[in-house]
Amino acid sequence: MTQASKLTSPLDAEYAEHREAEERRRQTREWLEKRERELGFVKDAPSVAPDKPANR
């Protein structure tokens, strides 16, 4: 008898590339927010970093 292996679909939210991409987006957003604070952009200007991920 053979043991069945569990396959992970690339569409699965737990797929490694999805987690890595989400981490890169989070790091980029944090970096952009930090740069905006450091450079003292105009307070009325909208943030370059999005508040939440875009729905696709």
PDB file of N, CA and C in Angstrom:
ATOM      1  N   MET A   1       0.847  -1.178   0.000  1.00  0.00           N
ATOM      2  CA  MET A   1       0.000   0.000   0.000  1.00  0.00           C
ATOM      3  C   MET A   1       0.896   1.246   0.000  1.00  0.00           C
ATOM      4  N   THR A   2       0.576   2.190  -0.828  1.00  0.00           N
ATOM      5  CA  THR A   2       1.359   3.425  -0.900  1.00  0.00           C
ATOM      6  C   THR A   2       0.662   4.524  -0.122  1.00  0.00           C
ATOM      7  N   GLN A   3       1.466   5.431   0.371  1.00  0.00           N
ATOM      8  CA  GLN A   3       0.924   6.553   1.139  1.00  0.00           C
ATOM      9  C   GLN A   3       0.572   7.692   0.179  1.00  0.00           C
ATOM     10  N   ALA A   4      -0.618   8.219   0.316  1.00  0.00           N
ATOM     11  CA  ALA A   4      -1.052   9.327  -0.534  1.00  0.00           C
ATOM     12  C   ALA A   4      -0.351  10.607  -0.095  1.00  0.00           C
ATOM     13  N   SER A   5       0.127  11.358  -1.067  1.00  0.00           N
ATOM     14  CA  SER A   5       0.775  12.630  -0.735  1.00  0.00           C
ATOM     15  C   SER A   5      -0.226  13.767  -0.922  1.00  0.00           C
ATOM     16  N   LYS A   6      -0.082  14.786  -0.105  1.00  0.00           N
ATOM     17  CA  LYS A   6      -0.967  15.949  -0.195  1.00  0.00           C
ATOM     18  C   LYS A   6      -0.337  16.958  -1.148  1.00  0.00           C
ATOM     19  N   LEU A   7      -1.032  17.281  -2.192  1.00  0.00           N
ATOM     20  CA  LEU A   7      -0.550  18.274  -3.143  1.00  0.00           C
ATOM     21  C   LEU A   7      -1.078  19.645  -2.748  1.00  0.00           C
ATOM     22  N   THR A   8      -0.250  20.649  -2.918  1.00  0.00           N
ATOM     23  CA  THR A   8      -0.652  22.016  -2.628  1.00  0.00           C
ATOM     24  C   THR A   8      -0.859  22.748  -3.946  1.00  0.00           C
ATOM     25  N   SER A   9      -2.033  23.273  -4.114  1.00  0.00           N
ATOM     26  CA  SER A   9      -2.350  24.016  -5.324  1.00  0.00           C
ATOM     27  C   SER A   9      -1.676  25.378  -5.287  1.00  0.00           C
ATOM     28  N   PRO A  10      -1.157  25.859  -6.428  1.00  0.00           N
ATOM     29  CA  PRO A  10      -0.589  27.206  -6.470  1.00  0.00           C
ATOM     30  C   PRO A  10      -1.616  28.289  -6.139  1.00  0.00           C
ATOM     31  N   LEU A  11      -2.898  27.954  -6.210  1.00  0.00           N
ATOM     32  CA  LEU A  11      -3.948  28.922  -5.887  1.00  0.00           C
ATOM     33  C   LEU A  11      -4.257  28.952  -4.398  1.00  0.00           C
ATOM     34  N   ASP A  12      -3.716  28.002  -3.649  1.00  0.00           N
ATOM     35  CA  ASP A  12      -3.943  27.915  -2.205  1.00  0.00           C
ATOM     36  C   ASP A  12      -3.304  29.114  -1.504  1.00  0.00           C
ATOM     37  N   ALA A  13      -4.009  29.691  -0.554  1.00  0.00           N
ATOM     38  CA  ALA A  13      -3.508  30.874   0.164  1.00  0.00           C
ATOM     39  C   ALA A  13      -2.246  30.563   0.950  1.00  0.00           C
ATOM     40  N   GLU A  14      -2.038  29.318   1.307  1.00  0.00           N
ATOM     41  CA  GLU A  14      -0.860  28.931   2.079  1.00  0.00           C
ATOM     42  C   GLU A  14       0.335  28.588   1.190  1.00  0.00           C
ATOM     43  N   TYR A  15       0.198  28.707  -0.099  1.00  0.00           N
ATOM     44  CA  TYR A  15       1.281  28.417  -1.031  1.00  0.00           C
ATOM     45  C   TYR A  15       2.453  29.357  -0.733  1.00  0.00           C
ATOM     46  N   ALA A  16       3.654  28.833  -0.698  1.00  0.00           N
ATOM     47  CA  ALA A  16       4.838  29.585  -0.255  1.00  0.00           C
ATOM     48  C   ALA A  16       5.022  30.898  -1.014  1.00  0.00           C
ATOM     49  N   GLU A  17       4.827  30.877  -2.321  1.00  0.00           N
ATOM     50  CA  GLU A  17       5.041  32.098  -3.096  1.00  0.00           C
ATOM     51  C   GLU A  17       4.048  33.187  -2.715  1.00  0.00           C
ATOM     52  N   HIS A  18       2.829  32.795  -2.366  1.00  0.00           N
ATOM     53  CA  HIS A  18       1.836  33.783  -1.940  1.00  0.00           C
ATOM     54  C   HIS A  18       2.261  34.428  -0.624  1.00  0.00           C
ATOM     55  N   ARG A  19       2.743  33.601   0.301  1.00  0.00           N
ATOM     56  CA  ARG A  19       3.200  34.134   1.591  1.00  0.00           C
ATOM     57  C   ARG A  19       4.400  35.049   1.395  1.00  0.00           C
ATOM     58  N   GLU A  20       5.329  34.653   0.530  1.00  0.00           N
ATOM     59  CA  GLU A  20       6.517  35.470   0.286  1.00  0.00           C
ATOM     60  C   GLU A  20       6.146  36.792  -0.385  1.00  0.00           C
ATOM     61  N   ALA A  21       5.226  36.750  -1.336  1.00  0.00           N
ATOM     62  CA  ALA A  21       4.798  37.970  -2.015  1.00  0.00           C
ATOM     63  C   ALA A  21       4.099  38.907  -1.038  1.00  0.00           C
ATOM     64  N   GLU A  22       3.266  38.360  -0.170  1.00  0.00           N
ATOM     65  CA  GLU A  22       2.580  39.184   0.833  1.00  0.00           C
ATOM     66  C   GLU A  22       3.594  39.837   1.765  1.00  0.00           C
ATOM     67  N   GLU A  23       4.616  39.098   2.159  1.00  0.00           N
ATOM     68  CA  GLU A  23       5.662  39.644   3.031  1.00  0.00           C
ATOM     69  C   GLU A  23       6.413  40.777   2.327  1.00  0.00           C
ATOM     70  N   ARG A  24       6.720  40.610   1.033  1.00  0.00           N
ATOM     71  CA  ARG A  24       7.401  41.678   0.281  1.00  0.00           C
ATOM     72  C   ARG A  24       6.519  42.916   0.176  1.00  0.00           C
ATOM     73  N   ARG A  25       5.217  42.725  -0.063  1.00  0.00           N
ATOM     74  CA  ARG A  25       4.304  43.877  -0.132  1.00  0.00           C
ATOM     75  C   ARG A  25       4.257  44.606   1.205  1.00  0.00           C
ATOM     76  N   ARG A  26       4.208  43.848   2.301  1.00  0.00           N
ATOM     77  CA  ARG A  26       4.175  44.456   3.634  1.00  0.00           C
ATOM     78  C   ARG A  26       5.454  45.243   3.895  1.00  0.00           C
ATOM     79  N   GLN A  27       6.602  44.664   3.559  1.00  0.00           N
ATOM     80  CA  GLN A  27       7.876  45.344   3.774  1.00  0.00           C
ATOM     81  C   GLN A  27       7.977  46.604   2.917  1.00  0.00           C
ATOM     82  N   THR A  28       7.517  46.525   1.681  1.00  0.00           N
ATOM     83  CA  THR A  28       7.555  47.691   0.794  1.00  0.00           C
ATOM     84  C   THR A  28       6.662  48.800   1.329  1.00  0.00           C
ATOM     85  N   ARG A  29       5.451  48.438   1.785  1.00  0.00           N
ATOM     86  CA  ARG A  29       4.521  49.430   2.335  1.00  0.00           C
ATOM     87  C   ARG A  29       5.135  50.113   3.557  1.00  0.00           C
ATOM     88  N   GLU A  30       5.752  49.316   4.440  1.00  0.00           N
ATOM     89  CA  GLU A  30       6.397  49.891   5.625  1.00  0.00           C
ATOM     90  C   GLU A  30       7.551  50.806   5.232  1.00  0.00           C
ATOM     91  N   TRP A  31       8.337  50.394   4.233  1.00  0.00           N
ATOM     92  CA  TRP A  31       9.467  51.210   3.785  1.00  0.00           C
ATOM     93  C   TRP A  31       8.971  52.534   3.209  1.00  0.00           C
ATOM     94  N   LEU A  32       7.914  52.483   2.391  1.00  0.00           N
ATOM     95  CA  LEU A  32       7.364  53.708   1.811  1.00  0.00           C
ATOM     96  C   LEU A  32       6.848  54.650   2.895  1.00  0.00           C
ATOM     97  N   GLU A  33       6.145  54.101   3.874  1.00  0.00           N
ATOM     98  CA  GLU A  33       5.632  54.934   4.959  1.00  0.00           C
ATOM     99  C   GLU A  33       6.779  55.560   5.749  1.00  0.00           C
ATOM    100  N   LYS A  34       7.829  54.804   5.985  1.00  0.00           N
ATOM    101  CA  LYS A  34       8.995  55.320   6.709  1.00  0.00           C
ATOM    102  C   LYS A  34       9.661  56.445   5.914  1.00  0.00           C
ATOM    103  N   ARG A  35       9.833  56.258   4.595  1.00  0.00           N
ATOM    104  CA  ARG A  35      10.441  57.291   3.746  1.00  0.00           C
ATOM    105  C   ARG A  35       9.601  58.563   3.749  1.00  0.00           C
ATOM    106  N   GLU A  36       8.283  58.400   3.699  1.00  0.00           N
ATOM    107  CA  GLU A  36       7.408  59.571   3.725  1.00  0.00           C
ATOM    108  C   GLU A  36       7.606  60.357   5.014  1.00  0.00           C
ATOM    109  N   ARG A  37       7.710  59.656   6.138  1.00  0.00           N
ATOM    110  CA  ARG A  37       7.931  60.335   7.422  1.00  0.00           C
ATOM    111  C   ARG A  37       9.307  61.001   7.457  1.00  0.00           C
ATOM    112  N   GLU A  38      10.335  60.303   6.981  1.00  0.00           N
ATOM    113  CA  GLU A  38      11.700  60.836   7.014  1.00  0.00           C
ATOM    114  C   GLU A  38      11.851  62.078   6.145  1.00  0.00           C
ATOM    115  N   LEU A  39      11.246  62.054   4.983  1.00  0.00           N
ATOM    116  CA  LEU A  39      11.397  63.167   4.052  1.00  0.00           C
ATOM    117  C   LEU A  39      10.429  64.299   4.345  1.00  0.00           C
ATOM    118  N   GLY A  40       9.473  64.078   5.221  1.00  0.00           N
ATOM    119  CA  GLY A  40       8.539  65.130   5.617  1.00  0.00           C
ATOM    120  C   GLY A  40       7.660  65.604   4.479  1.00  0.00           C
ATOM    121  N   PHE A  41       7.055  64.666   3.770  1.00  0.00           N
ATOM    122  CA  PHE A  41       6.161  65.039   2.686  1.00  0.00           C
ATOM    123  C   PHE A  41       5.013  65.886   3.213  1.00  0.00           C
ATOM    124  N   VAL A  42       4.401  66.632   2.340  1.00  0.00           N
ATOM    125  CA  VAL A  42       3.280  67.494   2.687  1.00  0.00           C
ATOM    126  C   VAL A  42       2.196  66.657   3.368  1.00  0.00           C
ATOM    127  N   LYS A  43       1.665  67.162   4.455  1.00  0.00           N
ATOM    128  CA  LYS A  43       0.673  66.418   5.240  1.00  0.00           C
ATOM    129  C   LYS A  43      -0.626  66.176   4.471  1.00  0.00           C
ATOM    130  N   ASP A  44      -0.975  67.075   3.555  1.00  0.00           N
ATOM    131  CA  ASP A  44      -2.225  66.938   2.812  1.00  0.00           C
ATOM    132  C   ASP A  44      -2.113  65.965   1.642  1.00  0.00           C
ATOM    133  N   ALA A  45      -0.894  65.623   1.261  1.00  0.00           N
ATOM    134  CA  ALA A  45      -0.699  64.727   0.121  1.00  0.00           C
ATOM    135  C   ALA A  45      -1.111  63.305   0.500  1.00  0.00           C
ATOM    136  N   PRO A  46      -1.744  62.606  -0.428  1.00  0.00           N
ATOM    137  CA  PRO A  46      -2.117  61.219  -0.131  1.00  0.00           C
ATOM    138  C   PRO A  46      -0.869  60.351  -0.008  1.00  0.00           C
ATOM    139  N   SER A  47      -0.968  59.330   0.793  1.00  0.00           N
ATOM    140  CA  SER A  47       0.144  58.414   1.006  1.00  0.00           C
ATOM    141  C   SER A  47       0.427  57.620  -0.258  1.00  0.00           C
ATOM    142  N   VAL A  48       1.703  57.371  -0.520  1.00  0.00           N
ATOM    143  CA  VAL A  48       2.091  56.529  -1.641  1.00  0.00           C
ATOM    144  C   VAL A  48       1.811  55.070  -1.301  1.00  0.00           C
ATOM    145  N   ALA A  49       1.971  54.721  -0.039  1.00  0.00           N
ATOM    146  CA  ALA A  49       1.720  53.349   0.409  1.00  0.00           C
ATOM    147  C   ALA A  49       0.218  53.135   0.535  1.00  0.00           C
ATOM    148  N   PRO A  50      -0.310  52.106  -0.106  1.00  0.00           N
ATOM    149  CA  PRO A  50      -1.752  51.857  -0.008  1.00  0.00           C
ATOM    150  C   PRO A  50      -2.139  51.431   1.400  1.00  0.00           C
ATOM    151  N   ASP A  51      -3.354  51.803   1.810  1.00  0.00           N
ATOM    152  CA  ASP A  51      -3.850  51.430   3.136  1.00  0.00           C
ATOM    153  C   ASP A  51      -4.096  49.933   3.238  1.00  0.00           C
ATOM    154  N   LYS A  52      -4.595  49.359   2.153  1.00  0.00           N
ATOM    155  CA  LYS A  52      -4.873  47.926   2.147  1.00  0.00           C
ATOM    156  C   LYS A  52      -4.583  47.390   0.750  1.00  0.00           C
ATOM    157  N   PRO A  53      -4.341  46.102   0.628  1.00  0.00           N
ATOM    158  CA  PRO A  53      -4.040  45.520  -0.678  1.00  0.00           C
ATOM    159  C   PRO A  53      -5.207  45.694  -1.646  1.00  0.00           C
ATOM    160  N   ALA A  54      -4.871  45.840  -2.907  1.00  0.00           N
ATOM    161  CA  ALA A  54      -5.897  45.982  -3.933  1.00  0.00           C
ATOM    162  C   ALA A  54      -6.602  44.650  -4.136  1.00  0.00           C
ATOM    163  N   ASN A  55      -7.899  44.703  -4.353  1.00  0.00           N
ATOM    164  CA  ASN A  55      -8.663  43.480  -4.625  1.00  0.00           C
ATOM    165  C   ASN A  55      -8.495  43.124  -6.084  1.00  0.00           C
ATOM    166  N   ARG A  56      -8.101  41.899  -6.299  1.00  0.00           N
ATOM    167  CA  ARG A  56      -7.909  41.459  -7.689  1.00  0.00           C
ATOM    168  C   ARG A  56      -8.787  40.300  -7.993  1.00  0.00           C
TER     169      ARG A  56
END
